[in-house]
Amino acid sequence: MQAEDIVTQKTQELCQAILDQPNLRSARQRISAFIADDRARGQYEALMTRGQALQQKQQQSQPLTGEEISDFEKQREALSSNPVARGFLEAQEELHHAQESIHSYVSKTIELGRLPTAEEMSEGESCGHGCGCH
């Protein structure tokens, strides 16, 4: 068996192990429930559209009114109080964290040329508040 074949086989085994994780299976189910819920999707899409419009307005150095901010906050609260939407947002975060963790481990392994230790994996885990990496 060629090295590429072994890597492909082991990658597929890793992917299956990931799919078999109960917490990730649960996250996928919450995402599917969200996709099937027209009301939750509508709330989410409306909030994202509103948020983008407000961000664009700020980027154009136009001030946001108190009413605009209040309306956005109300939309966000309504979305957060919808259990299907909240489950979707939590699931997205869980999947993103899993993806980042796997990527970091594989990248560190390639960088070091060996399996990284737990200490090496925890180094640089957080860049600090507001860095946008997590």
C-alpha atoms as a PDB file:
ATOM      1  CA  MET A   1       0.000   0.000   0.000  1.00  0.00           C
ATOM      2  CA  GLN A   2       1.365   3.413  -0.957  1.00  0.00           C
ATOM      3  CA  ALA A   3       1.885   6.155   1.631  1.00  0.00           C
ATOM      4  CA  GLU A   4      -0.883   8.249   0.021  1.00  0.00           C
ATOM      5  CA  ASP A   5      -3.298   5.346   0.299  1.00  0.00           C
ATOM      6  CA  ILE A   6      -2.457   4.872   3.978  1.00  0.00           C
ATOM      7  CA  VAL A   7      -2.926   8.573   4.708  1.00  0.00           C
ATOM      8  CA  THR A   8      -6.246   8.563   2.839  1.00  0.00           C
ATOM      9  CA  GLN A   9      -7.396   5.470   4.712  1.00  0.00           C
ATOM     10  CA  LYS A  10      -6.398   6.915   8.088  1.00  0.00           C
ATOM     11  CA  THR A  11      -8.029  10.237   7.223  1.00  0.00           C
ATOM     12  CA  GLN A  12     -11.255   8.432   6.400  1.00  0.00           C
ATOM     13  CA  GLU A  13     -11.020   6.554   9.705  1.00  0.00           C
ATOM     14  CA  LEU A  14     -10.527   9.866  11.511  1.00  0.00           C
ATOM     15  CA  CYS A  15     -13.513  11.359   9.700  1.00  0.00           C
ATOM     16  CA  GLN A  16     -15.667   8.388  10.682  1.00  0.00           C
ATOM     17  CA  ALA A  17     -14.541   8.725  14.304  1.00  0.00           C
ATOM     18  CA  ILE A  18     -15.511  12.401  14.170  1.00  0.00           C
ATOM     19  CA  LEU A  19     -18.926  11.525  12.738  1.00  0.00           C
ATOM     20  CA  ASP A  20     -19.411   8.937  15.487  1.00  0.00           C
ATOM     21  CA  GLN A  21     -18.920  11.488  18.285  1.00  0.00           C
ATOM     22  CA  PRO A  22     -22.277  11.913  20.065  1.00  0.00           C
ATOM     23  CA  ASN A  23     -21.814  15.647  20.672  1.00  0.00           C
ATOM     24  CA  LEU A  24     -21.084  16.303  17.004  1.00  0.00           C
ATOM     25  CA  ARG A  25     -23.978  14.100  15.913  1.00  0.00           C
ATOM     26  CA  SER A  26     -26.204  16.134  18.255  1.00  0.00           C
ATOM     27  CA  ALA A  27     -24.882  19.372  16.750  1.00  0.00           C
ATOM     28  CA  ARG A  28     -25.721  18.159  13.227  1.00  0.00           C
ATOM     29  CA  GLN A  29     -29.245  17.247  14.398  1.00  0.00           C
ATOM     30  CA  ARG A  30     -29.738  20.739  15.858  1.00  0.00           C
ATOM     31  CA  ILE A  31     -28.583  22.267  12.586  1.00  0.00           C
ATOM     32  CA  SER A  32     -31.010  20.058  10.652  1.00  0.00           C
ATOM     33  CA  ALA A  33     -33.851  21.064  13.004  1.00  0.00           C
ATOM     34  CA  PHE A  34     -33.013  24.713  12.373  1.00  0.00           C
ATOM     35  CA  ILE A  35     -32.956  24.247   8.594  1.00  0.00           C
ATOM     36  CA  ALA A  36     -36.392  22.620   8.779  1.00  0.00           C
ATOM     37  CA  ASP A  37     -37.833  25.458  10.922  1.00  0.00           C
ATOM     38  CA  ASP A  38     -38.961  28.307   8.648  1.00  0.00           C
ATOM     39  CA  ARG A  39     -39.650  30.645  11.576  1.00  0.00           C
ATOM     40  CA  ALA A  40     -36.220  30.192  13.171  1.00  0.00           C
ATOM     41  CA  ARG A  41     -34.465  30.548   9.810  1.00  0.00           C
ATOM     42  CA  GLY A  42     -36.457  33.687   9.055  1.00  0.00           C
ATOM     43  CA  GLN A  43     -35.517  35.225  12.407  1.00  0.00           C
ATOM     44  CA  TYR A  44     -31.866  34.378  11.858  1.00  0.00           C
ATOM     45  CA  GLU A  45     -31.785  35.716   8.297  1.00  0.00           C
ATOM     46  CA  ALA A  46     -33.566  38.931   9.331  1.00  0.00           C
ATOM     47  CA  LEU A  47     -31.090  39.484  12.170  1.00  0.00           C
ATOM     48  CA  MET A  48     -28.085  38.828   9.908  1.00  0.00           C
ATOM     49  CA  THR A  49     -29.430  41.175   7.241  1.00  0.00           C
ATOM     50  CA  ARG A  50     -30.114  43.877   9.824  1.00  0.00           C
ATOM     51  CA  GLY A  51     -26.694  43.427  11.394  1.00  0.00           C
ATOM     52  CA  GLN A  52     -24.980  43.723   8.016  1.00  0.00           C
ATOM     53  CA  ALA A  53     -26.940  46.881   7.205  1.00  0.00           C
ATOM     54  CA  LEU A  54     -25.959  48.460  10.522  1.00  0.00           C
ATOM     55  CA  GLN A  55     -22.331  47.450  10.060  1.00  0.00           C
ATOM     56  CA  GLN A  56     -22.309  48.908   6.559  1.00  0.00           C
ATOM     57  CA  LYS A  57     -23.785  52.131   7.887  1.00  0.00           C
ATOM     58  CA  GLN A  58     -21.044  52.339  10.530  1.00  0.00           C
ATOM     59  CA  GLN A  59     -18.339  51.667   7.938  1.00  0.00           C
ATOM     60  CA  GLN A  60     -19.670  54.636   5.989  1.00  0.00           C
ATOM     61  CA  SER A  61     -19.216  56.739   9.163  1.00  0.00           C
ATOM     62  CA  GLN A  62     -22.959  57.190   9.553  1.00  0.00           C
ATOM     63  CA  PRO A  63     -24.166  57.202  13.152  1.00  0.00           C
ATOM     64  CA  LEU A  64     -26.611  54.549  14.322  1.00  0.00           C
ATOM     65  CA  THR A  65     -29.775  55.793  15.976  1.00  0.00           C
ATOM     66  CA  GLY A  66     -30.941  54.541  19.331  1.00  0.00           C
ATOM     67  CA  GLU A  67     -34.002  53.112  17.613  1.00  0.00           C
ATOM     68  CA  GLU A  68     -31.879  51.114  15.166  1.00  0.00           C
ATOM     69  CA  ILE A  69     -29.779  49.698  17.980  1.00  0.00           C
ATOM     70  CA  SER A  70     -32.856  48.924  20.076  1.00  0.00           C
ATOM     71  CA  ASP A  71     -34.593  47.189  17.165  1.00  0.00           C
ATOM     72  CA  PHE A  72     -31.498  45.095  16.501  1.00  0.00           C
ATOM     73  CA  GLU A  73     -31.247  44.131  20.185  1.00  0.00           C
ATOM     74  CA  LYS A  74     -34.924  43.124  20.211  1.00  0.00           C
ATOM     75  CA  GLN A  75     -34.376  40.940  17.141  1.00  0.00           C
ATOM     76  CA  ARG A  76     -31.344  39.356  18.756  1.00  0.00           C
ATOM     77  CA  GLU A  77     -33.229  38.654  21.987  1.00  0.00           C
ATOM     78  CA  ALA A  78     -36.110  37.111  20.029  1.00  0.00           C
ATOM     79  CA  LEU A  79     -33.670  34.865  18.191  1.00  0.00           C
ATOM     80  CA  SER A  80     -31.961  33.869  21.439  1.00  0.00           C
ATOM     81  CA  SER A  81     -35.288  32.988  23.032  1.00  0.00           C
ATOM     82  CA  ASN A  82     -36.153  30.624  20.169  1.00  0.00           C
ATOM     83  CA  PRO A  83     -34.820  27.215  21.319  1.00  0.00           C
ATOM     84  CA  VAL A  84     -34.334  25.933  17.749  1.00  0.00           C
ATOM     85  CA  ALA A  85     -32.337  29.018  16.746  1.00  0.00           C
ATOM     86  CA  ARG A  86     -30.346  28.970  19.979  1.00  0.00           C
ATOM     87  CA  GLY A  87     -29.574  25.274  19.394  1.00  0.00           C
ATOM     88  CA  PHE A  88     -28.388  26.116  15.888  1.00  0.00           C
ATOM     89  CA  LEU A  89     -26.068  28.860  17.119  1.00  0.00           C
ATOM     90  CA  GLU A  90     -24.629  26.600  19.822  1.00  0.00           C
ATOM     91  CA  ALA A  91     -24.197  23.762  17.313  1.00  0.00           C
ATOM     92  CA  GLN A  92     -22.378  26.062  14.894  1.00  0.00           C
ATOM     93  CA  GLU A  93     -19.996  27.048  17.670  1.00  0.00           C
ATOM     94  CA  GLU A  94     -19.397  23.418  18.686  1.00  0.00           C
ATOM     95  CA  LEU A  95     -18.655  22.361  15.100  1.00  0.00           C
ATOM     96  CA  HIS A  96     -16.378  25.346  14.580  1.00  0.00           C
ATOM     97  CA  HIS A  97     -14.476  24.520  17.777  1.00  0.00           C
ATOM     98  CA  ALA A  98     -14.094  20.878  16.727  1.00  0.00           C
ATOM     99  CA  GLN A  99     -12.855  21.931  13.286  1.00  0.00           C
ATOM    100  CA  GLU A 100     -10.336  24.363  14.747  1.00  0.00           C
ATOM    101  CA  SER A 101      -9.116  21.794  17.259  1.00  0.00           C
ATOM    102  CA  ILE A 102      -8.576  19.149  14.567  1.00  0.00           C
ATOM    103  CA  HIS A 103      -6.892  21.651  12.264  1.00  0.00           C
ATOM    104  CA  SER A 104      -4.584  22.828  15.052  1.00  0.00           C
ATOM    105  CA  TYR A 105      -3.586  19.282  15.980  1.00  0.00           C
ATOM    106  CA  VAL A 106      -2.842  18.255  12.402  1.00  0.00           C
ATOM    107  CA  SER A 107      -0.983  21.520  11.673  1.00  0.00           C
ATOM    108  CA  LYS A 108       1.111  21.193  14.824  1.00  0.00           C
ATOM    109  CA  THR A 109       1.925  17.570  13.951  1.00  0.00           C
ATOM    110  CA  ILE A 110       3.125  18.578  10.476  1.00  0.00           C
ATOM    111  CA  GLU A 111       5.061  21.540  11.898  1.00  0.00           C
ATOM    112  CA  LEU A 112       6.830  19.450  14.565  1.00  0.00           C
ATOM    113  CA  GLY A 113       7.244  16.269  12.555  1.00  0.00           C
ATOM    114  CA  ARG A 114       5.812  14.291  15.478  1.00  0.00           C
ATOM    115  CA  LEU A 115       2.711  14.167  17.646  1.00  0.00           C
ATOM    116  CA  PRO A 116       2.488  17.286  19.795  1.00  0.00           C
ATOM    117  CA  THR A 117       2.294  17.049  23.568  1.00  0.00           C
ATOM    118  CA  ALA A 118      -0.693  18.390  25.494  1.00  0.00           C
ATOM    119  CA  GLU A 119       1.484  21.311  26.612  1.00  0.00           C
ATOM    120  CA  GLU A 120       2.422  22.143  23.025  1.00  0.00           C
ATOM    121  CA  MET A 121      -1.228  22.030  22.021  1.00  0.00           C
ATOM    122  CA  SER A 122      -2.253  24.421  24.773  1.00  0.00           C
ATOM    123  CA  GLU A 123       0.486  26.945  23.917  1.00  0.00           C
ATOM    124  CA  GLY A 124      -0.979  29.885  22.065  1.00  0.00           C
ATOM    125  CA  GLU A 125      -4.497  28.505  22.468  1.00  0.00           C
ATOM    126  CA  SER A 126      -5.857  31.970  23.151  1.00  0.00           C
ATOM    127  CA  CYS A 127      -4.490  35.142  21.641  1.00  0.00           C
ATOM    128  CA  GLY A 128      -6.478  37.231  24.090  1.00  0.00           C
ATOM    129  CA  HIS A 129      -9.849  38.883  24.109  1.00  0.00           C
ATOM    130  CA  GLY A 130     -11.047  40.230  20.780  1.00  0.00           C
ATOM    131  CA  CYS A 131      -8.472  38.521  18.584  1.00  0.00           C
ATOM    132  CA  GLY A 132     -11.187  36.781  16.555  1.00  0.00           C
ATOM    133  CA  CYS A 133      -9.450  33.411  16.476  1.00  0.00           C
ATOM    134  CA  HIS A 134     -12.071  31.657  18.627  1.00  0.00           C
END
